[in-house]
ModelCIF file with pLDDT and N, C-alpha, C, O atoms, coordinates in Angstrom:
data_MODEL
#
_entry.id   MODEL 
#
_entity.id                         1 
_entity.type                       polymer 
_entity.pdbx_number_of_molecules   1 
#
_entity_poly.entity_id                      1 
_entity_poly.type                           'polypeptide(L)' 
_entity_poly.nstd_linkage                   no 
_entity_poly.nstd_monomer                   no 
_entity_poly.pdbx_seq_one_letter_code       VCSGRVKLSAGSASGKALILRIAESGQVVGLPGTISGKPYEATAEAL 
_entity_poly.pdbx_seq_one_letter_code_can   VCSGRVKLSAGSASGKALILRIAESGQVVGLPGTISGKPYEATAEAL 
_entity_poly.pdbx_strand_id                 A 
#
loop_
_entity_poly_seq.entity_id 
_entity_poly_seq.num 
_entity_poly_seq.mon_id 
_entity_poly_seq.hetero 
1 1  VAL n 
1 2  CYS n 
1 3  SER n 
1 4  GLY n 
1 5  ARG n 
1 6  VAL n 
1 7  LYS n 
1 8  LEU n 
1 9  SER n 
1 10 ALA n 
1 11 GLY n 
1 12 SER n 
1 13 ALA n 
1 14 SER n 
1 15 GLY n 
1 16 LYS n 
1 17 ALA n 
1 18 LEU n 
1 19 ILE n 
1 20 LEU n 
1 21 ARG n 
1 22 ILE n 
1 23 ALA n 
1 24 GLU n 
1 25 SER n 
1 26 GLY n 
1 27 GLN n 
1 28 VAL n 
1 29 VAL n 
1 30 GLY n 
1 31 LEU n 
1 32 PRO n 
1 33 GLY n 
1 34 THR n 
1 35 ILE n 
1 36 SER n 
1 37 GLY n 
1 38 LYS n 
1 39 PRO n 
1 40 TYR n 
1 41 GLU n 
1 42 ALA n 
1 43 THR n 
1 44 ALA n 
1 45 GLU n 
1 46 ALA n 
1 47 LEU n 
#
_struct_asym.id          A 
_struct_asym.entity_id   1 
#
loop_
_ma_qa_metric.id 
_ma_qa_metric.mode 
_ma_qa_metric.name 
_ma_qa_metric.software_group_id 
_ma_qa_metric.type 
1 global pLDDT . pLDDT 
2 local  pLDDT . pLDDT 
#
_ma_qa_metric_global.metric_id      1 
_ma_qa_metric_global.metric_value   94.72 
_ma_qa_metric_global.model_id       1 
_ma_qa_metric_global.ordinal_id     1 
#
loop_
_ma_qa_metric_local.label_asym_id 
_ma_qa_metric_local.label_comp_id 
_ma_qa_metric_local.label_seq_id 
_ma_qa_metric_local.metric_id 
_ma_qa_metric_local.metric_value 
_ma_qa_metric_local.model_id 
_ma_qa_metric_local.ordinal_id 
A VAL 1  2 98.00 1 1  
A CYS 2  2 98.00 1 2  
A SER 3  2 98.00 1 3  
A GLY 4  2 97.00 1 4  
A ARG 5  2 98.00 1 5  
A VAL 6  2 97.00 1 6  
A LYS 7  2 97.00 1 7  
A LEU 8  2 97.00 1 8  
A SER 9  2 97.00 1 9  
A ALA 10 2 95.00 1 10 
A GLY 11 2 91.00 1 11 
A SER 12 2 86.00 1 12 
A ALA 13 2 85.00 1 13 
A SER 14 2 88.00 1 14 
A GLY 15 2 85.00 1 15 
A LYS 16 2 91.00 1 16 
A ALA 17 2 90.00 1 17 
A LEU 18 2 94.00 1 18 
A ILE 19 2 95.00 1 19 
A LEU 20 2 96.00 1 20 
A ARG 21 2 96.00 1 21 
A ILE 22 2 98.00 1 22 
A ALA 23 2 97.00 1 23 
A GLU 24 2 97.00 1 24 
A SER 25 2 97.00 1 25 
A GLY 26 2 96.00 1 26 
A GLN 27 2 96.00 1 27 
A VAL 28 2 95.00 1 28 
A VAL 29 2 96.00 1 29 
A GLY 30 2 95.00 1 30 
A LEU 31 2 95.00 1 31 
A PRO 32 2 93.00 1 32 
A GLY 33 2 95.00 1 33 
A THR 34 2 96.00 1 34 
A ILE 35 2 94.00 1 35 
A SER 36 2 95.00 1 36 
A GLY 37 2 96.00 1 37 
A LYS 38 2 96.00 1 38 
A PRO 39 2 95.00 1 39 
A TYR 40 2 94.00 1 40 
A GLU 41 2 92.00 1 41 
A ALA 42 2 95.00 1 42 
A THR 43 2 95.00 1 43 
A ALA 44 2 95.00 1 44 
A GLU 45 2 96.00 1 45 
A ALA 46 2 97.00 1 46 
A LEU 47 2 97.00 1 47 
#
loop_
_atom_site.group_PDB 
_atom_site.id 
_atom_site.type_symbol 
_atom_site.label_atom_id 
_atom_site.label_alt_id 
_atom_site.label_comp_id 
_atom_site.label_asym_id 
_atom_site.label_entity_id 
_atom_site.label_seq_id 
_atom_site.pdbx_PDB_ins_code 
_atom_site.Cartn_x 
_atom_site.Cartn_y 
_atom_site.Cartn_z 
_atom_site.occupancy 
_atom_site.B_iso_or_equiv 
_atom_site.pdbx_formal_charge 
_atom_site.auth_seq_id 
_atom_site.auth_comp_id 
_atom_site.auth_asym_id 
_atom_site.auth_atom_id 
_atom_site.pdbx_PDB_model_num 
ATOM 1   N N  . VAL A 1 1  ? -9.535  3.293   -4.595 1.00 98.00 ? 1  VAL A N  1 
ATOM 2   C CA . VAL A 1 1  ? -10.280 2.048   -4.410 1.00 98.00 ? 1  VAL A CA 1 
ATOM 3   C C  . VAL A 1 1  ? -11.773 2.379   -4.488 1.00 98.00 ? 1  VAL A C  1 
ATOM 4   O O  . VAL A 1 1  ? -12.300 3.104   -3.644 1.00 98.00 ? 1  VAL A O  1 
ATOM 5   N N  . CYS A 1 2  ? -12.442 1.849   -5.499 1.00 98.00 ? 2  CYS A N  1 
ATOM 6   C CA . CYS A 1 2  ? -13.872 2.105   -5.673 1.00 98.00 ? 2  CYS A CA 1 
ATOM 7   C C  . CYS A 1 2  ? -14.714 1.076   -4.934 1.00 98.00 ? 2  CYS A C  1 
ATOM 8   O O  . CYS A 1 2  ? -15.771 1.399   -4.391 1.00 98.00 ? 2  CYS A O  1 
ATOM 9   N N  . SER A 1 3  ? -14.240 -0.160  -4.918 1.00 98.00 ? 3  SER A N  1 
ATOM 10  C CA . SER A 1 3  ? -14.920 -1.202  -4.158 1.00 98.00 ? 3  SER A CA 1 
ATOM 11  C C  . SER A 1 3  ? -13.916 -2.289  -3.806 1.00 98.00 ? 3  SER A C  1 
ATOM 12  O O  . SER A 1 3  ? -12.933 -2.499  -4.518 1.00 98.00 ? 3  SER A O  1 
ATOM 13  N N  . GLY A 1 4  ? -14.171 -2.969  -2.711 1.00 97.00 ? 4  GLY A N  1 
ATOM 14  C CA . GLY A 1 4  ? -13.279 -4.018  -2.246 1.00 97.00 ? 4  GLY A CA 1 
ATOM 15  C C  . GLY A 1 4  ? -12.248 -3.496  -1.261 1.00 97.00 ? 4  GLY A C  1 
ATOM 16  O O  . GLY A 1 4  ? -12.294 -2.339  -0.840 1.00 97.00 ? 4  GLY A O  1 
ATOM 17  N N  . ARG A 1 5  ? -11.309 -4.377  -0.898 1.00 98.00 ? 5  ARG A N  1 
ATOM 18  C CA . ARG A 1 5  ? -10.261 -4.020  0.056  1.00 98.00 ? 5  ARG A CA 1 
ATOM 19  C C  . ARG A 1 5  ? -8.901  -4.412  -0.503 1.00 98.00 ? 5  ARG A C  1 
ATOM 20  O O  . ARG A 1 5  ? -8.761  -5.414  -1.204 1.00 98.00 ? 5  ARG A O  1 
ATOM 21  N N  . VAL A 1 6  ? -7.900  -3.596  -0.174 1.00 97.00 ? 6  VAL A N  1 
ATOM 22  C CA . VAL A 1 6  ? -6.538  -3.789  -0.665 1.00 97.00 ? 6  VAL A CA 1 
ATOM 23  C C  . VAL A 1 6  ? -5.585  -3.782  0.524  1.00 97.00 ? 6  VAL A C  1 
ATOM 24  O O  . VAL A 1 6  ? -5.610  -2.860  1.339  1.00 97.00 ? 6  VAL A O  1 
ATOM 25  N N  . LYS A 1 7  ? -4.747  -4.809  0.622  1.00 97.00 ? 7  LYS A N  1 
ATOM 26  C CA . LYS A 1 7  ? -3.741  -4.878  1.683  1.00 97.00 ? 7  LYS A CA 1 
ATOM 27  C C  . LYS A 1 7  ? -2.474  -4.190  1.192  1.00 97.00 ? 7  LYS A C  1 
ATOM 28  O O  . LYS A 1 7  ? -1.977  -4.487  0.106  1.00 97.00 ? 7  LYS A O  1 
ATOM 29  N N  . LEU A 1 8  ? -1.953  -3.264  2.005  1.00 97.00 ? 8  LEU A N  1 
ATOM 30  C CA . LEU A 1 8  ? -0.699  -2.583  1.694  1.00 97.00 ? 8  LEU A CA 1 
ATOM 31  C C  . LEU A 1 8  ? 0.370   -3.108  2.637  1.00 97.00 ? 8  LEU A C  1 
ATOM 32  O O  . LEU A 1 8  ? 0.218   -3.052  3.857  1.00 97.00 ? 8  LEU A O  1 
ATOM 33  N N  . SER A 1 9  ? 1.451   -3.617  2.061  1.00 97.00 ? 9  SER A N  1 
ATOM 34  C CA . SER A 1 9  ? 2.523   -4.180  2.873  1.00 97.00 ? 9  SER A CA 1 
ATOM 35  C C  . SER A 1 9  ? 3.875   -3.705  2.349  1.00 97.00 ? 9  SER A C  1 
ATOM 36  O O  . SER A 1 9  ? 4.005   -3.275  1.203  1.00 97.00 ? 9  SER A O  1 
ATOM 37  N N  . ALA A 1 10 ? 4.874   -3.798  3.222  1.00 95.00 ? 10 ALA A N  1 
ATOM 38  C CA . ALA A 1 10 ? 6.239   -3.413  2.865  1.00 95.00 ? 10 ALA A CA 1 
ATOM 39  C C  . ALA A 1 10 ? 7.194   -4.430  3.463  1.00 95.00 ? 10 ALA A C  1 
ATOM 40  O O  . ALA A 1 10 ? 6.904   -5.043  4.490  1.00 95.00 ? 10 ALA A O  1 
ATOM 41  N N  . GLY A 1 11 ? 8.328   -4.604  2.816  1.00 91.00 ? 11 GLY A N  1 
ATOM 42  C CA . GLY A 1 11 ? 9.331   -5.537  3.308  1.00 91.00 ? 11 GLY A CA 1 
ATOM 43  C C  . GLY A 1 11 ? 10.084  -4.951  4.489  1.00 91.00 ? 11 GLY A C  1 
ATOM 44  O O  . GLY A 1 11 ? 10.393  -3.760  4.514  1.00 91.00 ? 11 GLY A O  1 
ATOM 45  N N  . SER A 1 12 ? 10.376  -5.801  5.469  1.00 86.00 ? 12 SER A N  1 
ATOM 46  C CA . SER A 1 12 ? 11.148  -5.363  6.634  1.00 86.00 ? 12 SER A CA 1 
ATOM 47  C C  . SER A 1 12 ? 12.625  -5.677  6.400  1.00 86.00 ? 12 SER A C  1 
ATOM 48  O O  . SER A 1 12 ? 12.987  -6.326  5.419  1.00 86.00 ? 12 SER A O  1 
ATOM 49  N N  . ALA A 1 13 ? 13.461  -5.211  7.306  1.00 85.00 ? 13 ALA A N  1 
ATOM 50  C CA . ALA A 1 13 ? 14.899  -5.467  7.218  1.00 85.00 ? 13 ALA A CA 1 
ATOM 51  C C  . ALA A 1 13 ? 15.201  -6.961  7.286  1.00 85.00 ? 13 ALA A C  1 
ATOM 52  O O  . ALA A 1 13 ? 16.197  -7.422  6.729  1.00 85.00 ? 13 ALA A O  1 
ATOM 53  N N  . SER A 1 14 ? 14.342  -7.717  7.969  1.00 88.00 ? 14 SER A N  1 
ATOM 54  C CA . SER A 1 14 ? 14.556  -9.164  8.094  1.00 88.00 ? 14 SER A CA 1 
ATOM 55  C C  . SER A 1 14 ? 13.979  -9.943  6.919  1.00 88.00 ? 14 SER A C  1 
ATOM 56  O O  . SER A 1 14 ? 14.058  -11.171 6.882  1.00 88.00 ? 14 SER A O  1 
ATOM 57  N N  . GLY A 1 15 ? 13.393  -9.221  5.951  1.00 85.00 ? 15 GLY A N  1 
ATOM 58  C CA . GLY A 1 15 ? 12.851  -9.882  4.770  1.00 85.00 ? 15 GLY A CA 1 
ATOM 59  C C  . GLY A 1 15 ? 11.401  -10.294 4.866  1.00 85.00 ? 15 GLY A C  1 
ATOM 60  O O  . GLY A 1 15 ? 10.863  -10.871 3.921  1.00 85.00 ? 15 GLY A O  1 
ATOM 61  N N  . LYS A 1 16 ? 10.756  -10.016 5.980  1.00 91.00 ? 16 LYS A N  1 
ATOM 62  C CA . LYS A 1 16 ? 9.350   -10.349 6.146  1.00 91.00 ? 16 LYS A CA 1 
ATOM 63  C C  . LYS A 1 16 ? 8.479   -9.205  5.657  1.00 91.00 ? 16 LYS A C  1 
ATOM 64  O O  . LYS A 1 16 ? 8.896   -8.047  5.674  1.00 91.00 ? 16 LYS A O  1 
ATOM 65  N N  . ALA A 1 17 ? 7.275   -9.530  5.223  1.00 90.00 ? 17 ALA A N  1 
ATOM 66  C CA . ALA A 1 17 ? 6.315   -8.511  4.797  1.00 90.00 ? 17 ALA A CA 1 
ATOM 67  C C  . ALA A 1 17 ? 5.536   -8.014  6.006  1.00 90.00 ? 17 ALA A C  1 
ATOM 68  O O  . ALA A 1 17 ? 4.983   -8.804  6.771  1.00 90.00 ? 17 ALA A O  1 
ATOM 69  N N  . LEU A 1 18 ? 5.501   -6.702  6.168  1.00 94.00 ? 18 LEU A N  1 
ATOM 70  C CA . LEU A 1 18 ? 4.746   -6.078  7.257  1.00 94.00 ? 18 LEU A CA 1 
ATOM 71  C C  . LEU A 1 18 ? 3.499   -5.416  6.670  1.00 94.00 ? 18 LEU A C  1 
ATOM 72  O O  . LEU A 1 18 ? 3.587   -4.623  5.732  1.00 94.00 ? 18 LEU A O  1 
ATOM 73  N N  . ILE A 1 19 ? 2.351   -5.751  7.229  1.00 95.00 ? 19 ILE A N  1 
ATOM 74  C CA . ILE A 1 19 ? 1.117   -5.122  6.770  1.00 95.00 ? 19 ILE A CA 1 
ATOM 75  C C  . ILE A 1 19 ? 1.052   -3.708  7.328  1.00 95.00 ? 19 ILE A C  1 
ATOM 76  O O  . ILE A 1 19 ? 1.106   -3.505  8.541  1.00 95.00 ? 19 ILE A O  1 
ATOM 77  N N  . LEU A 1 20 ? 0.936   -2.734  6.430  1.00 96.00 ? 20 LEU A N  1 
ATOM 78  C CA . LEU A 1 20 ? 0.882   -1.330  6.834  1.00 96.00 ? 20 LEU A CA 1 
ATOM 79  C C  . LEU A 1 20 ? -0.551  -0.893  7.131  1.00 96.00 ? 20 LEU A C  1 
ATOM 80  O O  . LEU A 1 20 ? -0.818  -0.225  8.130  1.00 96.00 ? 20 LEU A O  1 
ATOM 81  N N  . ARG A 1 21 ? -1.460  -1.281  6.248  1.00 96.00 ? 21 ARG A N  1 
ATOM 82  C CA . ARG A 1 21 ? -2.867  -0.944  6.439  1.00 96.00 ? 21 ARG A CA 1 
ATOM 83  C C  . ARG A 1 21 ? -3.705  -1.667  5.404  1.00 96.00 ? 21 ARG A C  1 
ATOM 84  O O  . ARG A 1 21 ? -3.184  -2.249  4.452  1.00 96.00 ? 21 ARG A O  1 
ATOM 85  N N  . ILE A 1 22 ? -5.007  -1.619  5.608  1.00 98.00 ? 22 ILE A N  1 
ATOM 86  C CA . ILE A 1 22 ? -5.971  -2.141  4.649  1.00 98.00 ? 22 ILE A CA 1 
ATOM 87  C C  . ILE A 1 22 ? -6.711  -0.931  4.077  1.00 98.00 ? 22 ILE A C  1 
ATOM 88  O O  . ILE A 1 22 ? -7.364  -0.188  4.810  1.00 98.00 ? 22 ILE A O  1 
ATOM 89  N N  . ALA A 1 23 ? -6.603  -0.745  2.766  1.00 97.00 ? 23 ALA A N  1 
ATOM 90  C CA . ALA A 1 23 ? -7.319  0.354   2.105  1.00 97.00 ? 23 ALA A CA 1 
ATOM 91  C C  . ALA A 1 23 ? -8.688  -0.151  1.677  1.00 97.00 ? 23 ALA A C  1 
ATOM 92  O O  . ALA A 1 23 ? -8.821  -1.249  1.136  1.00 97.00 ? 23 ALA A O  1 
ATOM 93  N N  . GLU A 1 24 ? -9.700  0.666   1.929  1.00 97.00 ? 24 GLU A N  1 
ATOM 94  C CA . GLU A 1 24 ? -11.074 0.295   1.609  1.00 97.00 ? 24 GLU A CA 1 
ATOM 95  C C  . GLU A 1 24 ? -11.664 1.273   0.607  1.00 97.00 ? 24 GLU A C  1 
ATOM 96  O O  . GLU A 1 24 ? -11.015 2.240   0.208  1.00 97.00 ? 24 GLU A O  1 
ATOM 97  N N  . SER A 1 25 ? -12.872 1.015   0.214  1.00 97.00 ? 25 SER A N  1 
ATOM 98  C CA . SER A 1 25 ? -13.577 1.833   -0.762 1.00 97.00 ? 25 SER A CA 1 
ATOM 99  C C  . SER A 1 25 ? -13.478 3.319   -0.410 1.00 97.00 ? 25 SER A C  1 
ATOM 100 O O  . SER A 1 25 ? -13.738 3.714   0.726  1.00 97.00 ? 25 SER A O  1 
ATOM 101 N N  . GLY A 1 26 ? -13.102 4.129   -1.388 1.00 96.00 ? 26 GLY A N  1 
ATOM 102 C CA . GLY A 1 26 ? -12.985 5.574   -1.202 1.00 96.00 ? 26 GLY A CA 1 
ATOM 103 C C  . GLY A 1 26 ? -11.597 6.038   -0.826 1.00 96.00 ? 26 GLY A C  1 
ATOM 104 O O  . GLY A 1 26 ? -11.337 7.241   -0.812 1.00 96.00 ? 26 GLY A O  1 
ATOM 105 N N  . GLN A 1 27 ? -10.697 5.121   -0.520 1.00 96.00 ? 27 GLN A N  1 
ATOM 106 C CA . GLN A 1 27 ? -9.348  5.514   -0.105 1.00 96.00 ? 27 GLN A CA 1 
ATOM 107 C C  . GLN A 1 27 ? -8.386  5.529   -1.290 1.00 96.00 ? 27 GLN A C  1 
ATOM 108 O O  . GLN A 1 27 ? -8.581  4.824   -2.281 1.00 96.00 ? 27 GLN A O  1 
ATOM 109 N N  . VAL A 1 28 ? -7.339  6.352   -1.162 1.00 95.00 ? 28 VAL A N  1 
ATOM 110 C CA . VAL A 1 28 ? -6.334  6.528   -2.209 1.00 95.00 ? 28 VAL A CA 1 
ATOM 111 C C  . VAL A 1 28 ? -5.088  5.722   -1.851 1.00 95.00 ? 28 VAL A C  1 
ATOM 112 O O  . VAL A 1 28 ? -4.647  5.720   -0.702 1.00 95.00 ? 28 VAL A O  1 
ATOM 113 N N  . VAL A 1 29 ? -4.532  5.046   -2.835 1.00 96.00 ? 29 VAL A N  1 
ATOM 114 C CA . VAL A 1 29 ? -3.317  4.245   -2.674 1.00 96.00 ? 29 VAL A CA 1 
ATOM 115 C C  . VAL A 1 29 ? -2.240  4.821   -3.591 1.00 96.00 ? 29 VAL A C  1 
ATOM 116 O O  . VAL A 1 29 ? -2.509  5.147   -4.747 1.00 96.00 ? 29 VAL A O  1 
ATOM 117 N N  . GLY A 1 30 ? -1.030  4.942   -3.072 1.00 95.00 ? 30 GLY A N  1 
ATOM 118 C CA . GLY A 1 30 ? 0.091   5.425   -3.878 1.00 95.00 ? 30 GLY A CA 1 
ATOM 119 C C  . GLY A 1 30 ? 0.318   6.921   -3.806 1.00 95.00 ? 30 GLY A C  1 
ATOM 120 O O  . GLY A 1 30 ? 1.080   7.472   -4.601 1.00 95.00 ? 30 GLY A O  1 
ATOM 121 N N  . LEU A 1 31 ? -0.327  7.580   -2.872 1.00 95.00 ? 31 LEU A N  1 
ATOM 122 C CA . LEU A 1 31 ? -0.239  9.036   -2.773 1.00 95.00 ? 31 LEU A CA 1 
ATOM 123 C C  . LEU A 1 31 ? 1.163   9.552   -2.421 1.00 95.00 ? 31 LEU A C  1 
ATOM 124 O O  . LEU A 1 31 ? 1.640   10.465  -3.095 1.00 95.00 ? 31 LEU A O  1 
ATOM 125 N N  . PRO A 1 32 ? 1.845   9.016   -1.400 1.00 93.00 ? 32 PRO A N  1 
ATOM 126 C CA . PRO A 1 32 ? 3.163   9.574   -1.045 1.00 93.00 ? 32 PRO A CA 1 
ATOM 127 C C  . PRO A 1 32 ? 4.169   9.550   -2.203 1.00 93.00 ? 32 PRO A C  1 
ATOM 128 O O  . PRO A 1 32 ? 4.853   10.543  -2.455 1.00 93.00 ? 32 PRO A O  1 
ATOM 129 N N  . GLY A 1 33 ? 4.255   8.432   -2.893 1.00 95.00 ? 33 GLY A N  1 
ATOM 130 C CA . GLY A 1 33 ? 5.186   8.328   -4.010 1.00 95.00 ? 33 GLY A CA 1 
ATOM 131 C C  . GLY A 1 33 ? 4.802   9.235   -5.170 1.00 95.00 ? 33 GLY A C  1 
ATOM 132 O O  . GLY A 1 33 ? 5.666   9.826   -5.818 1.00 95.00 ? 33 GLY A O  1 
ATOM 133 N N  . THR A 1 34 ? 3.518   9.343   -5.425 1.00 96.00 ? 34 THR A N  1 
ATOM 134 C CA . THR A 1 34 ? 3.046   10.183  -6.520 1.00 96.00 ? 34 THR A CA 1 
ATOM 135 C C  . THR A 1 34 ? 3.372   11.649  -6.250 1.00 96.00 ? 34 THR A C  1 
ATOM 136 O O  . THR A 1 34 ? 3.756   12.375  -7.166 1.00 96.00 ? 34 THR A O  1 
ATOM 137 N N  . ILE A 1 35 ? 3.224   12.084  -5.018 1.00 94.00 ? 35 ILE A N  1 
ATOM 138 C CA . ILE A 1 35 ? 3.526   13.474  -4.662 1.00 94.00 ? 35 ILE A CA 1 
ATOM 139 C C  . ILE A 1 35 ? 5.032   13.721  -4.670 1.00 94.00 ? 35 ILE A C  1 
ATOM 140 O O  . ILE A 1 35 ? 5.492   14.717  -5.229 1.00 94.00 ? 35 ILE A O  1 
ATOM 141 N N  . SER A 1 36 ? 5.803   12.824  -4.055 1.00 95.00 ? 36 SER A N  1 
ATOM 142 C CA . SER A 1 36 ? 7.246   13.042  -3.891 1.00 95.00 ? 36 SER A CA 1 
ATOM 143 C C  . SER A 1 36 ? 8.063   12.681  -5.123 1.00 95.00 ? 36 SER A C  1 
ATOM 144 O O  . SER A 1 36 ? 9.166   13.196  -5.311 1.00 95.00 ? 36 SER A O  1 
ATOM 145 N N  . GLY A 1 37 ? 7.531   11.800  -5.961 1.00 96.00 ? 37 GLY A N  1 
ATOM 146 C CA . GLY A 1 37 ? 8.297   11.320  -7.103 1.00 96.00 ? 37 GLY A CA 1 
ATOM 147 C C  . GLY A 1 37 ? 9.243   10.188  -6.746 1.00 96.00 ? 37 GLY A C  1 
ATOM 148 O O  . GLY A 1 37 ? 9.980   9.693   -7.598 1.00 96.00 ? 37 GLY A O  1 
ATOM 149 N N  . LYS A 1 38 ? 9.222   9.780   -5.483 1.00 96.00 ? 38 LYS A N  1 
ATOM 150 C CA . LYS A 1 38 ? 10.070  8.673   -5.032 1.00 96.00 ? 38 LYS A CA 1 
ATOM 151 C C  . LYS A 1 38 ? 9.325   7.353   -5.249 1.00 96.00 ? 38 LYS A C  1 
ATOM 152 O O  . LYS A 1 38 ? 8.097   7.349   -5.341 1.00 96.00 ? 38 LYS A O  1 
ATOM 153 N N  . PRO A 1 39 ? 10.048  6.240   -5.331 1.00 95.00 ? 39 PRO A N  1 
ATOM 154 C CA . PRO A 1 39 ? 9.393   4.950   -5.568 1.00 95.00 ? 39 PRO A CA 1 
ATOM 155 C C  . PRO A 1 39 ? 8.309   4.645   -4.538 1.00 95.00 ? 39 PRO A C  1 
ATOM 156 O O  . PRO A 1 39 ? 8.356   5.095   -3.393 1.00 95.00 ? 39 PRO A O  1 
ATOM 157 N N  . TYR A 1 40 ? 7.332   3.864   -4.993 1.00 94.00 ? 40 TYR A N  1 
ATOM 158 C CA . TYR A 1 40 ? 6.265   3.436   -4.089 1.00 94.00 ? 40 TYR A CA 1 
ATOM 159 C C  . TYR A 1 40 ? 6.878   2.759   -2.870 1.00 94.00 ? 40 TYR A C  1 
ATOM 160 O O  . TYR A 1 40 ? 7.857   2.023   -2.991 1.00 94.00 ? 40 TYR A O  1 
ATOM 161 N N  . GLU A 1 41 ? 6.307   3.006   -1.706 1.00 92.00 ? 41 GLU A N  1 
ATOM 162 C CA . GLU A 1 41 ? 6.824   2.473   -0.445 1.00 92.00 ? 41 GLU A CA 1 
ATOM 163 C C  . GLU A 1 41 ? 6.146   1.179   -0.029 1.00 92.00 ? 41 GLU A C  1 
ATOM 164 O O  . GLU A 1 41 ? 6.557   0.558   0.951  1.00 92.00 ? 41 GLU A O  1 
ATOM 165 N N  . ALA A 1 42 ? 5.114   0.760   -0.756 1.00 95.00 ? 42 ALA A N  1 
ATOM 166 C CA . ALA A 1 42 ? 4.359   -0.426  -0.361 1.00 95.00 ? 42 ALA A CA 1 
ATOM 167 C C  . ALA A 1 42 ? 3.913   -1.201  -1.587 1.00 95.00 ? 42 ALA A C  1 
ATOM 168 O O  . ALA A 1 42 ? 3.891   -0.685  -2.704 1.00 95.00 ? 42 ALA A O  1 
ATOM 169 N N  . THR A 1 43 ? 3.563   -2.439  -1.346 1.00 95.00 ? 43 THR A N  1 
ATOM 170 C CA . THR A 1 43 ? 2.968   -3.298  -2.362 1.00 95.00 ? 43 THR A CA 1 
ATOM 171 C C  . THR A 1 43 ? 1.493   -3.447  -2.028 1.00 95.00 ? 43 THR A C  1 
ATOM 172 O O  . THR A 1 43 ? 1.131   -3.657  -0.870 1.00 95.00 ? 43 THR A O  1 
ATOM 173 N N  . ALA A 1 44 ? 0.643   -3.337  -3.041 1.00 95.00 ? 44 ALA A N  1 
ATOM 174 C CA . ALA A 1 44 ? -0.796  -3.477  -2.854 1.00 95.00 ? 44 ALA A CA 1 
ATOM 175 C C  . ALA A 1 44 ? -1.239  -4.842  -3.369 1.00 95.00 ? 44 ALA A C  1 
ATOM 176 O O  . ALA A 1 44 ? -0.811  -5.296  -4.430 1.00 95.00 ? 44 ALA A O  1 
ATOM 177 N N  . GLU A 1 45 ? -2.112  -5.485  -2.587 1.00 96.00 ? 45 GLU A N  1 
ATOM 178 C CA . GLU A 1 45 ? -2.630  -6.805  -2.961 1.00 96.00 ? 45 GLU A CA 1 
ATOM 179 C C  . GLU A 1 45 ? -4.122  -6.834  -2.681 1.00 96.00 ? 45 GLU A C  1 
ATOM 180 O O  . GLU A 1 45 ? -4.558  -6.530  -1.570 1.00 96.00 ? 45 GLU A O  1 
ATOM 181 N N  . ALA A 1 46 ? -4.902  -7.198  -3.684 1.00 97.00 ? 46 ALA A N  1 
ATOM 182 C CA . ALA A 1 46 ? -6.354  -7.288  -3.513 1.00 97.00 ? 46 ALA A CA 1 
ATOM 183 C C  . ALA A 1 46 ? -6.686  -8.416  -2.551 1.00 97.00 ? 46 ALA A C  1 
ATOM 184 O O  . ALA A 1 46 ? -6.173  -9.527  -2.687 1.00 97.00 ? 46 ALA A O  1 
ATOM 185 N N  . LEU A 1 47 ? -7.544  -8.131  -1.580 1.00 97.00 ? 47 LEU A N  1 
ATOM 186 C CA . LEU A 1 47 ? -7.990  -9.147  -0.631 1.00 97.00 ? 47 LEU A CA 1 
ATOM 187 C C  . LEU A 1 47 ? -9.269  -9.829  -1.090 1.00 97.00 ? 47 LEU A C  1 
ATOM 188 O O  . LEU A 1 47 ? -9.779  -10.713 -0.401 1.00 97.00 ? 47 LEU A O  1 
#
């Protein structure tokens, strides 16, 4: 993220979206999946 804010959320067992964190300028998004090779664990949405 170079500028702005991104909301990271994931679906819960009940089908609701849970906000995991807000990524801000300078932060990396998608790191766990990129390292492990497993699917992304969250959805990113520009705020």
